[in-house]
């Protein structure tokens, strides 16, 4: 019985999502925020950030931090990994 070793990281092709992970996370957070009827201002207040800072993260210009993902997930009652899953196609239209 032979066991193959996984490929070194430098040989891996990427996430396979077709979009950068930061764009996927931004789309998921936009989608979930709309489902919870949370505005950018609501999230800004919760995260102790400016609305402008949240707007930059909503649009994907600035990636969300892991700490922000943890706090958002906690507020929404989901595991942080859920925010890394691809949202419905409608979420990509931002």
PDB file of N, CA and C in Angstrom:
ATOM      1  N   UNK A   1       0.849  -1.175   0.000  1.00  0.00           N
ATOM      2  CA  UNK A   1       0.000   0.000   0.000  1.00  0.00           C
ATOM      3  C   UNK A   1       0.897   1.242   0.000  1.00  0.00           C
ATOM      4  N   UNK A   2       0.736   2.072  -1.006  1.00  0.00           N
ATOM      5  CA  UNK A   2       1.510   3.306  -1.069  1.00  0.00           C
ATOM      6  C   UNK A   2       0.598   4.494  -0.824  1.00  0.00           C
ATOM      7  N   UNK A   3       1.144   5.436  -0.133  1.00  0.00           N
ATOM      8  CA  UNK A   3       0.395   6.650   0.170  1.00  0.00           C
ATOM      9  C   UNK A   3       1.078   7.800  -0.533  1.00  0.00           C
ATOM     10  N   UNK A   4       0.319   8.550  -1.312  1.00  0.00           N
ATOM     11  CA  UNK A   4       0.918   9.683  -2.010  1.00  0.00           C
ATOM     12  C   UNK A   4       0.921  10.904  -1.108  1.00  0.00           C
ATOM     13  N   UNK A   5       1.967  11.692  -1.253  1.00  0.00           N
ATOM     14  CA  UNK A   5       2.092  12.913  -0.464  1.00  0.00           C
ATOM     15  C   UNK A   5       1.331  14.025  -1.178  1.00  0.00           C
ATOM     16  N   UNK A   6       0.765  14.945  -0.428  1.00  0.00           N
ATOM     17  CA  UNK A   6       0.098  16.082  -1.074  1.00  0.00           C
ATOM     18  C   UNK A   6       1.127  16.942  -1.799  1.00  0.00           C
ATOM     19  N   UNK A   7       0.656  17.657  -2.804  1.00  0.00           N
ATOM     20  CA  UNK A   7       1.532  18.541  -3.566  1.00  0.00           C
ATOM     21  C   UNK A   7       2.011  19.688  -2.692  1.00  0.00           C
ATOM     22  N   UNK A   8       3.246  20.149  -2.917  1.00  0.00           N
ATOM     23  CA  UNK A   8       3.703  21.328  -2.169  1.00  0.00           C
ATOM     24  C   UNK A   8       2.790  22.521  -2.454  1.00  0.00           C
ATOM     25  N   UNK A   9       2.680  23.421  -1.493  1.00  0.00           N
ATOM     26  CA  UNK A   9       1.793  24.579  -1.645  1.00  0.00           C
ATOM     27  C   UNK A   9       2.063  25.364  -2.913  1.00  0.00           C
ATOM     28  N   UNK A  10       3.320  25.508  -3.308  1.00  0.00           N
ATOM     29  CA  UNK A  10       3.635  26.312  -4.487  1.00  0.00           C
ATOM     30  C   UNK A  10       3.132  25.671  -5.771  1.00  0.00           C
ATOM     31  N   UNK A  11       2.723  24.403  -5.717  1.00  0.00           N
ATOM     32  CA  UNK A  11       2.198  23.728  -6.906  1.00  0.00           C
ATOM     33  C   UNK A  11       0.677  23.748  -6.970  1.00  0.00           C
ATOM     34  N   UNK A  12       0.027  24.164  -5.914  1.00  0.00           N
ATOM     35  CA  UNK A  12      -1.431  24.170  -5.906  1.00  0.00           C
ATOM     36  C   UNK A  12      -1.936  25.282  -6.815  1.00  0.00           C
ATOM     37  N   UNK A  13      -3.068  25.061  -7.449  1.00  0.00           N
ATOM     38  CA  UNK A  13      -3.560  25.993  -8.460  1.00  0.00           C
ATOM     39  C   UNK A  13      -4.421  27.113  -7.903  1.00  0.00           C
ATOM     40  N   UNK A  14      -4.841  27.049  -6.688  1.00  0.00           N
ATOM     41  CA  UNK A  14      -5.682  28.111  -6.138  1.00  0.00           C
ATOM     42  C   UNK A  14      -6.933  27.547  -5.509  1.00  0.00           C
ATOM     43  N   UNK A  15      -7.841  28.454  -5.166  1.00  0.00           N
ATOM     44  CA  UNK A  15      -9.039  28.050  -4.432  1.00  0.00           C
ATOM     45  C   UNK A  15     -10.057  27.323  -5.289  1.00  0.00           C
ATOM     46  N   UNK A  16     -10.033  27.545  -6.593  1.00  0.00           N
ATOM     47  CA  UNK A  16     -11.000  26.905  -7.456  1.00  0.00           C
ATOM     48  C   UNK A  16     -12.318  27.648  -7.550  1.00  0.00           C
ATOM     49  N   UNK A  17     -12.453  28.781  -6.869  1.00  0.00           N
ATOM     50  CA  UNK A  17     -13.689  29.532  -6.892  1.00  0.00           C
ATOM     51  C   UNK A  17     -13.797  30.432  -8.105  1.00  0.00           C
ATOM     52  N   UNK A  18     -12.686  30.752  -8.747  1.00  0.00           N
ATOM     53  CA  UNK A  18     -12.724  31.654  -9.889  1.00  0.00           C
ATOM     54  C   UNK A  18     -12.661  33.114  -9.493  1.00  0.00           C
ATOM     55  N   UNK A  19     -12.826  33.405  -8.246  1.00  0.00           N
ATOM     56  CA  UNK A  19     -12.752  34.771  -7.708  1.00  0.00           C
ATOM     57  C   UNK A  19     -11.792  34.741  -6.534  1.00  0.00           C
ATOM     58  N   UNK A  20     -11.123  35.864  -6.249  1.00  0.00           N
ATOM     59  CA  UNK A  20     -10.302  35.890  -5.034  1.00  0.00           C
ATOM     60  C   UNK A  20     -11.172  35.607  -3.813  1.00  0.00           C
ATOM     61  N   UNK A  21     -10.592  34.971  -2.822  1.00  0.00           N
ATOM     62  CA  UNK A  21     -11.341  34.638  -1.614  1.00  0.00           C
ATOM     63  C   UNK A  21     -11.903  35.887  -0.951  1.00  0.00           C
ATOM     64  N   UNK A  22     -11.161  37.001  -1.007  1.00  0.00           N
ATOM     65  CA  UNK A  22     -11.656  38.236  -0.387  1.00  0.00           C
ATOM     66  C   UNK A  22     -12.935  38.724  -1.079  1.00  0.00           C
ATOM     67  N   UNK A  23     -13.043  38.530  -2.397  1.00  0.00           N
ATOM     68  CA  UNK A  23     -14.261  38.929  -3.113  1.00  0.00           C
ATOM     69  C   UNK A  23     -15.423  38.025  -2.740  1.00  0.00           C
ATOM     70  N   UNK A  24     -15.140  36.747  -2.574  1.00  0.00           N
ATOM     71  CA  UNK A  24     -16.184  35.800  -2.173  1.00  0.00           C
ATOM     72  C   UNK A  24     -16.706  36.147  -0.783  1.00  0.00           C
ATOM     73  N   UNK A  25     -15.796  36.448   0.149  1.00  0.00           N
ATOM     74  CA  UNK A  25     -16.202  36.804   1.512  1.00  0.00           C
ATOM     75  C   UNK A  25     -17.018  38.091   1.505  1.00  0.00           C
ATOM     76  N   UNK A  26     -16.587  39.082   0.725  1.00  0.00           N
ATOM     77  CA  UNK A  26     -17.328  40.344   0.645  1.00  0.00           C
ATOM     78  C   UNK A  26     -18.744  40.094   0.133  1.00  0.00           C
ATOM     79  N   UNK A  27     -18.874  39.253  -0.891  1.00  0.00           N
ATOM     80  CA  UNK A  27     -20.199  38.952  -1.448  1.00  0.00           C
ATOM     81  C   UNK A  27     -21.070  38.227  -0.420  1.00  0.00           C
ATOM     82  N   UNK A  28     -20.479  37.284   0.300  1.00  0.00           N
ATOM     83  CA  UNK A  28     -21.243  36.552   1.315  1.00  0.00           C
ATOM     84  C   UNK A  28     -21.709  37.479   2.433  1.00  0.00           C
ATOM     85  N   UNK A  29     -20.837  38.366   2.878  1.00  0.00           N
ATOM     86  CA  UNK A  29     -21.221  39.284   3.953  1.00  0.00           C
ATOM     87  C   UNK A  29     -22.294  40.255   3.467  1.00  0.00           C
ATOM     88  N   UNK A  30     -22.171  40.745   2.245  1.00  0.00           N
ATOM     89  CA  UNK A  30     -23.234  41.617   1.693  1.00  0.00           C
ATOM     90  C   UNK A  30     -24.571  40.871   1.687  1.00  0.00           C
ATOM     91  N   UNK A  31     -24.545  39.643   1.226  1.00  0.00           N
ATOM     92  CA  UNK A  31     -25.765  38.832   1.134  1.00  0.00           C
ATOM     93  C   UNK A  31     -26.376  38.605   2.512  1.00  0.00           C
ATOM     94  N   UNK A  32     -25.555  38.189   3.454  1.00  0.00           N
ATOM     95  CA  UNK A  32     -26.063  37.906   4.797  1.00  0.00           C
ATOM     96  C   UNK A  32     -26.520  39.178   5.494  1.00  0.00           C
ATOM     97  N   UNK A  33     -25.809  40.275   5.296  1.00  0.00           N
ATOM     98  CA  UNK A  33     -26.230  41.542   5.902  1.00  0.00           C
ATOM     99  C   UNK A  33     -27.604  41.940   5.381  1.00  0.00           C
ATOM    100  N   UNK A  34     -27.836  41.733   4.088  1.00  0.00           N
ATOM    101  CA  UNK A  34     -29.157  42.082   3.541  1.00  0.00           C
ATOM    102  C   UNK A  34     -30.232  41.161   4.106  1.00  0.00           C
ATOM    103  N   UNK A  35     -29.910  39.886   4.297  1.00  0.00           N
ATOM    104  CA  UNK A  35     -30.883  38.951   4.882  1.00  0.00           C
ATOM    105  C   UNK A  35     -31.248  39.340   6.309  1.00  0.00           C
ATOM    106  N   UNK A  36     -30.281  39.856   7.044  1.00  0.00           N
ATOM    107  CA  UNK A  36     -30.514  40.284   8.424  1.00  0.00           C
ATOM    108  C   UNK A  36     -30.951  41.745   8.511  1.00  0.00           C
ATOM    109  N   UNK A  37     -31.108  42.378   7.348  1.00  0.00           N
ATOM    110  CA  UNK A  37     -31.485  43.794   7.257  1.00  0.00           C
ATOM    111  C   UNK A  37     -30.521  44.684   8.024  1.00  0.00           C
ATOM    112  N   UNK A  38     -29.233  44.378   7.895  1.00  0.00           N
ATOM    113  CA  UNK A  38     -28.185  45.174   8.518  1.00  0.00           C
ATOM    114  C   UNK A  38     -27.618  46.146   7.488  1.00  0.00           C
ATOM    115  N   UNK A  39     -27.519  47.382   7.861  1.00  0.00           N
ATOM    116  CA  UNK A  39     -26.922  48.375   6.974  1.00  0.00           C
ATOM    117  C   UNK A  39     -25.404  48.412   7.218  1.00  0.00           C
ATOM    118  N   UNK A  40     -24.724  49.106   6.324  1.00  0.00           N
ATOM    119  CA  UNK A  40     -23.298  49.307   6.526  1.00  0.00           C
ATOM    120  C   UNK A  40     -23.058  50.048   7.840  1.00  0.00           C
ATOM    121  N   UNK A  41     -23.932  50.991   8.147  1.00  0.00           N
ATOM    122  CA  UNK A  41     -23.793  51.740   9.402  1.00  0.00           C
ATOM    123  C   UNK A  41     -23.974  50.827  10.608  1.00  0.00           C
ATOM    124  N   UNK A  42     -24.918  49.886  10.525  1.00  0.00           N
ATOM    125  CA  UNK A  42     -25.114  48.925  11.613  1.00  0.00           C
ATOM    126  C   UNK A  42     -23.838  48.117  11.862  1.00  0.00           C
ATOM    127  N   UNK A  43     -23.260  47.592  10.778  1.00  0.00           N
ATOM    128  CA  UNK A  43     -22.036  46.813  10.922  1.00  0.00           C
ATOM    129  C   UNK A  43     -20.883  47.673  11.413  1.00  0.00           C
ATOM    130  N   UNK A  44     -20.807  48.913  10.927  1.00  0.00           N
ATOM    131  CA  UNK A  44     -19.742  49.823  11.354  1.00  0.00           C
ATOM    132  C   UNK A  44     -19.815  50.047  12.862  1.00  0.00           C
ATOM    133  N   UNK A  45     -21.002  50.279  13.369  1.00  0.00           N
ATOM    134  CA  UNK A  45     -21.167  50.501  14.802  1.00  0.00           C
ATOM    135  C   UNK A  45     -20.779  49.249  15.586  1.00  0.00           C
ATOM    136  N   UNK A  46     -21.207  48.095  15.113  1.00  0.00           N
ATOM    137  CA  UNK A  46     -20.910  46.845  15.805  1.00  0.00           C
ATOM    138  C   UNK A  46     -19.416  46.548  15.810  1.00  0.00           C
ATOM    139  N   UNK A  47     -18.741  46.863  14.693  1.00  0.00           N
ATOM    140  CA  UNK A  47     -17.316  46.558  14.553  1.00  0.00           C
ATOM    141  C   UNK A  47     -16.409  47.690  15.032  1.00  0.00           C
ATOM    142  N   UNK A  48     -17.016  48.801  15.454  1.00  0.00           N
ATOM    143  CA  UNK A  48     -16.253  49.981  15.875  1.00  0.00           C
ATOM    144  C   UNK A  48     -15.363  50.493  14.741  1.00  0.00           C
ATOM    145  N   UNK A  49     -15.959  50.588  13.566  1.00  0.00           N
ATOM    146  CA  UNK A  49     -15.285  51.112  12.382  1.00  0.00           C
ATOM    147  C   UNK A  49     -16.149  52.215  11.803  1.00  0.00           C
ATOM    148  N   UNK A  50     -15.589  52.974  10.866  1.00  0.00           N
ATOM    149  CA  UNK A  50     -16.388  53.986  10.180  1.00  0.00           C
ATOM    150  C   UNK A  50     -17.250  53.300   9.119  1.00  0.00           C
ATOM    151  N   UNK A  51     -18.339  53.961   8.720  1.00  0.00           N
ATOM    152  CA  UNK A  51     -19.169  53.415   7.653  1.00  0.00           C
ATOM    153  C   UNK A  51     -18.361  53.317   6.370  1.00  0.00           C
ATOM    154  N   UNK A  52     -17.468  54.272   6.145  1.00  0.00           N
ATOM    155  CA  UNK A  52     -16.612  54.255   4.963  1.00  0.00           C
ATOM    156  C   UNK A  52     -15.710  53.016   4.947  1.00  0.00           C
ATOM    157  N   UNK A  53     -15.167  52.650   6.107  1.00  0.00           N
ATOM    158  CA  UNK A  53     -14.318  51.455   6.190  1.00  0.00           C
ATOM    159  C   UNK A  53     -15.116  50.202   5.858  1.00  0.00           C
ATOM    160  N   UNK A  54     -16.343  50.135   6.337  1.00  0.00           N
ATOM    161  CA  UNK A  54     -17.197  48.986   6.027  1.00  0.00           C
ATOM    162  C   UNK A  54     -17.563  48.994   4.546  1.00  0.00           C
ATOM    163  N   UNK A  55     -17.830  50.152   3.993  1.00  0.00           N
ATOM    164  CA  UNK A  55     -18.147  50.264   2.567  1.00  0.00           C
ATOM    165  C   UNK A  55     -16.997  49.733   1.711  1.00  0.00           C
ATOM    166  N   UNK A  56     -15.770  50.065   2.076  1.00  0.00           N
ATOM    167  CA  UNK A  56     -14.612  49.576   1.323  1.00  0.00           C
ATOM    168  C   UNK A  56     -14.516  48.059   1.398  1.00  0.00           C
ATOM    169  N   UNK A  57     -14.920  47.487   2.504  1.00  0.00           N
ATOM    170  CA  UNK A  57     -14.905  46.032   2.636  1.00  0.00           C
ATOM    171  C   UNK A  57     -16.083  45.400   1.892  1.00  0.00           C
ATOM    172  N   UNK A  58     -17.227  46.066   1.893  1.00  0.00           N
ATOM    173  CA  UNK A  58     -18.390  45.565   1.148  1.00  0.00           C
ATOM    174  C   UNK A  58     -18.074  45.466  -0.343  1.00  0.00           C
ATOM    175  N   UNK A  59     -17.348  46.431  -0.862  1.00  0.00           N
ATOM    176  CA  UNK A  59     -17.043  46.458  -2.297  1.00  0.00           C
ATOM    177  C   UNK A  59     -15.833  45.610  -2.656  1.00  0.00           C
ATOM    178  N   UNK A  60     -15.111  45.118  -1.655  1.00  0.00           N
ATOM    179  CA  UNK A  60     -13.948  44.290  -1.920  1.00  0.00           C
ATOM    180  C   UNK A  60     -12.660  45.068  -2.135  1.00  0.00           C
ATOM    181  N   UNK A  61     -12.715  46.379  -2.018  1.00  0.00           N
ATOM    182  CA  UNK A  61     -11.482  47.169  -2.177  1.00  0.00           C
ATOM    183  C   UNK A  61     -10.504  46.885  -1.053  1.00  0.00           C
ATOM    184  N   UNK A  62     -11.034  46.596   0.138  1.00  0.00           N
ATOM    185  CA  UNK A  62     -10.222  46.246   1.306  1.00  0.00           C
ATOM    186  C   UNK A  62     -10.763  44.914   1.824  1.00  0.00           C
ATOM    187  N   UNK A  63      -9.897  43.933   2.071  1.00  0.00           N
ATOM    188  CA  UNK A  63     -10.406  42.651   2.576  1.00  0.00           C
ATOM    189  C   UNK A  63     -10.839  42.743   4.038  1.00  0.00           C
ATOM    190  N   UNK A  64     -11.816  41.921   4.406  1.00  0.00           N
ATOM    191  CA  UNK A  64     -12.241  41.817   5.789  1.00  0.00           C
ATOM    192  C   UNK A  64     -11.141  41.150   6.593  1.00  0.00           C
ATOM    193  N   UNK A  65     -10.942  41.574   7.830  1.00  0.00           N
ATOM    194  CA  UNK A  65      -9.957  40.916   8.693  1.00  0.00           C
ATOM    195  C   UNK A  65     -10.587  39.661   9.296  1.00  0.00           C
ATOM    196  N   UNK A  66      -9.751  38.769   9.747  1.00  0.00           N
ATOM    197  CA  UNK A  66     -10.257  37.567  10.416  1.00  0.00           C
ATOM    198  C   UNK A  66     -11.021  37.923  11.682  1.00  0.00           C
ATOM    199  N   UNK A  67     -10.556  38.935  12.397  1.00  0.00           N
ATOM    200  CA  UNK A  67     -11.269  39.366  13.604  1.00  0.00           C
ATOM    201  C   UNK A  67     -12.662  39.888  13.256  1.00  0.00           C
ATOM    202  N   UNK A  68     -12.766  40.658  12.156  1.00  0.00           N
ATOM    203  CA  UNK A  68     -14.074  41.145  11.711  1.00  0.00           C
ATOM    204  C   UNK A  68     -14.983  39.976  11.350  1.00  0.00           C
ATOM    205  N   UNK A  69     -14.432  38.991  10.629  1.00  0.00           N
ATOM    206  CA  UNK A  69     -15.247  37.824  10.262  1.00  0.00           C
ATOM    207  C   UNK A  69     -15.770  37.118  11.501  1.00  0.00           C
ATOM    208  N   UNK A  70     -14.921  36.985  12.503  1.00  0.00           N
ATOM    209  CA  UNK A  70     -15.348  36.344  13.744  1.00  0.00           C
ATOM    210  C   UNK A  70     -16.471  37.100  14.425  1.00  0.00           C
ATOM    211  N   UNK A  71     -16.359  38.410  14.481  1.00  0.00           N
ATOM    212  CA  UNK A  71     -17.400  39.219  15.136  1.00  0.00           C
ATOM    213  C   UNK A  71     -18.695  39.196  14.334  1.00  0.00           C
ATOM    214  N   UNK A  72     -18.592  39.290  13.004  1.00  0.00           N
ATOM    215  CA  UNK A  72     -19.792  39.257  12.160  1.00  0.00           C
ATOM    216  C   UNK A  72     -20.476  37.905  12.288  1.00  0.00           C
ATOM    217  N   UNK A  73     -19.699  36.841  12.250  1.00  0.00           N
ATOM    218  CA  UNK A  73     -20.271  35.496  12.385  1.00  0.00           C
ATOM    219  C   UNK A  73     -20.976  35.348  13.730  1.00  0.00           C
ATOM    220  N   UNK A  74     -20.346  35.844  14.782  1.00  0.00           N
ATOM    221  CA  UNK A  74     -20.950  35.779  16.112  1.00  0.00           C
ATOM    222  C   UNK A  74     -22.276  36.532  16.136  1.00  0.00           C
ATOM    223  N   UNK A  75     -22.301  37.713  15.536  1.00  0.00           N
ATOM    224  CA  UNK A  75     -23.522  38.519  15.519  1.00  0.00           C
ATOM    225  C   UNK A  75     -24.638  37.840  14.737  1.00  0.00           C
ATOM    226  N   UNK A  76     -24.265  37.105  13.683  1.00  0.00           N
ATOM    227  CA  UNK A  76     -25.263  36.452  12.835  1.00  0.00           C
ATOM    228  C   UNK A  76     -25.595  35.041  13.303  1.00  0.00           C
ATOM    229  N   UNK A  77     -24.874  34.570  14.324  1.00  0.00           N
ATOM    230  CA  UNK A  77     -25.146  33.236  14.844  1.00  0.00           C
ATOM    231  C   UNK A  77     -24.688  32.114  13.936  1.00  0.00           C
ATOM    232  N   UNK A  78     -23.621  32.361  13.174  1.00  0.00           N
ATOM    233  CA  UNK A  78     -23.071  31.330  12.282  1.00  0.00           C
ATOM    234  C   UNK A  78     -21.609  31.115  12.636  1.00  0.00           C
ATOM    235  N   UNK A  79     -21.045  30.025  12.147  1.00  0.00           N
ATOM    236  CA  UNK A  79     -19.618  29.780  12.327  1.00  0.00           C
ATOM    237  C   UNK A  79     -18.849  30.638  11.333  1.00  0.00           C
ATOM    238  N   UNK A  80     -17.665  31.124  11.697  1.00  0.00           N
ATOM    239  CA  UNK A  80     -16.901  31.970  10.784  1.00  0.00           C
ATOM    240  C   UNK A  80     -16.671  31.333   9.412  1.00  0.00           C
ATOM    241  N   UNK A  81     -16.489  30.021   9.373  1.00  0.00           N
ATOM    242  CA  UNK A  81     -16.278  29.331   8.099  1.00  0.00           C
ATOM    243  C   UNK A  81     -17.439  29.490   7.134  1.00  0.00           C
ATOM    244  N   UNK A  82     -18.630  29.691   7.666  1.00  0.00           N
ATOM    245  CA  UNK A  82     -19.798  29.892   6.813  1.00  0.00           C
ATOM    246  C   UNK A  82     -19.611  31.113   5.915  1.00  0.00           C
ATOM    247  N   UNK A  83     -18.928  32.135   6.425  1.00  0.00           N
ATOM    248  CA  UNK A  83     -18.728  33.352   5.649  1.00  0.00           C
ATOM    249  C   UNK A  83     -17.708  33.162   4.534  1.00  0.00           C
ATOM    250  N   UNK A  84     -17.059  32.005   4.501  1.00  0.00           N
ATOM    251  CA  UNK A  84     -16.115  31.681   3.432  1.00  0.00           C
ATOM    252  C   UNK A  84     -16.769  30.878   2.320  1.00  0.00           C
ATOM    253  N   UNK A  85     -18.033  30.526   2.501  1.00  0.00           N
ATOM    254  CA  UNK A  85     -18.747  29.750   1.486  1.00  0.00           C
ATOM    255  C   UNK A  85     -19.301  30.679   0.418  1.00  0.00           C
ATOM    256  N   UNK A  86     -19.432  30.149  -0.768  1.00  0.00           N
ATOM    257  CA  UNK A  86     -19.927  30.952  -1.879  1.00  0.00           C
ATOM    258  C   UNK A  86     -21.408  31.287  -1.681  1.00  0.00           C
ATOM    259  N   UNK A  87     -21.751  32.567  -1.805  1.00  0.00           N
ATOM    260  CA  UNK A  87     -23.155  32.973  -1.645  1.00  0.00           C
ATOM    261  C   UNK A  87     -23.953  32.666  -2.921  1.00  0.00           C
ATOM    262  N   UNK A  88     -25.262  32.839  -2.864  1.00  0.00           N
ATOM    263  CA  UNK A  88     -26.067  32.697  -4.079  1.00  0.00           C
ATOM    264  C   UNK A  88     -25.586  33.672  -5.160  1.00  0.00           C
ATOM    265  N   UNK A  89     -25.854  33.349  -6.407  1.00  0.00           N
ATOM    266  CA  UNK A  89     -25.404  34.168  -7.534  1.00  0.00           C
ATOM    267  C   UNK A  89     -25.856  35.616  -7.408  1.00  0.00           C
ATOM    268  N   UNK A  90     -27.002  35.853  -6.818  1.00  0.00           N
ATOM    269  CA  UNK A  90     -27.521  37.203  -6.685  1.00  0.00           C
ATOM    270  C   UNK A  90     -26.609  38.095  -5.851  1.00  0.00           C
ATOM    271  N   UNK A  91     -25.841  37.509  -4.947  1.00  0.00           N
ATOM    272  CA  UNK A  91     -24.970  38.292  -4.072  1.00  0.00           C
ATOM    273  C   UNK A  91     -23.814  38.936  -4.807  1.00  0.00           C
ATOM    274  N   UNK A  92     -23.459  38.404  -5.979  1.00  0.00           N
ATOM    275  CA  UNK A  92     -22.324  38.948  -6.726  1.00  0.00           C
ATOM    276  C   UNK A  92     -22.673  40.266  -7.402  1.00  0.00           C
ATOM    277  N   UNK A  93     -23.945  40.572  -7.511  1.00  0.00           N
ATOM    278  CA  UNK A  93     -24.360  41.854  -8.126  1.00  0.00           C
ATOM    279  C   UNK A  93     -24.410  42.913  -7.056  1.00  0.00           C
ATOM    280  N   UNK A  94     -23.295  43.574  -6.844  1.00  0.00           N
ATOM    281  CA  UNK A  94     -23.250  44.594  -5.783  1.00  0.00           C
ATOM    282  C   UNK A  94     -22.962  45.953  -6.366  1.00  0.00           C
TER     283      UNK A  94
END
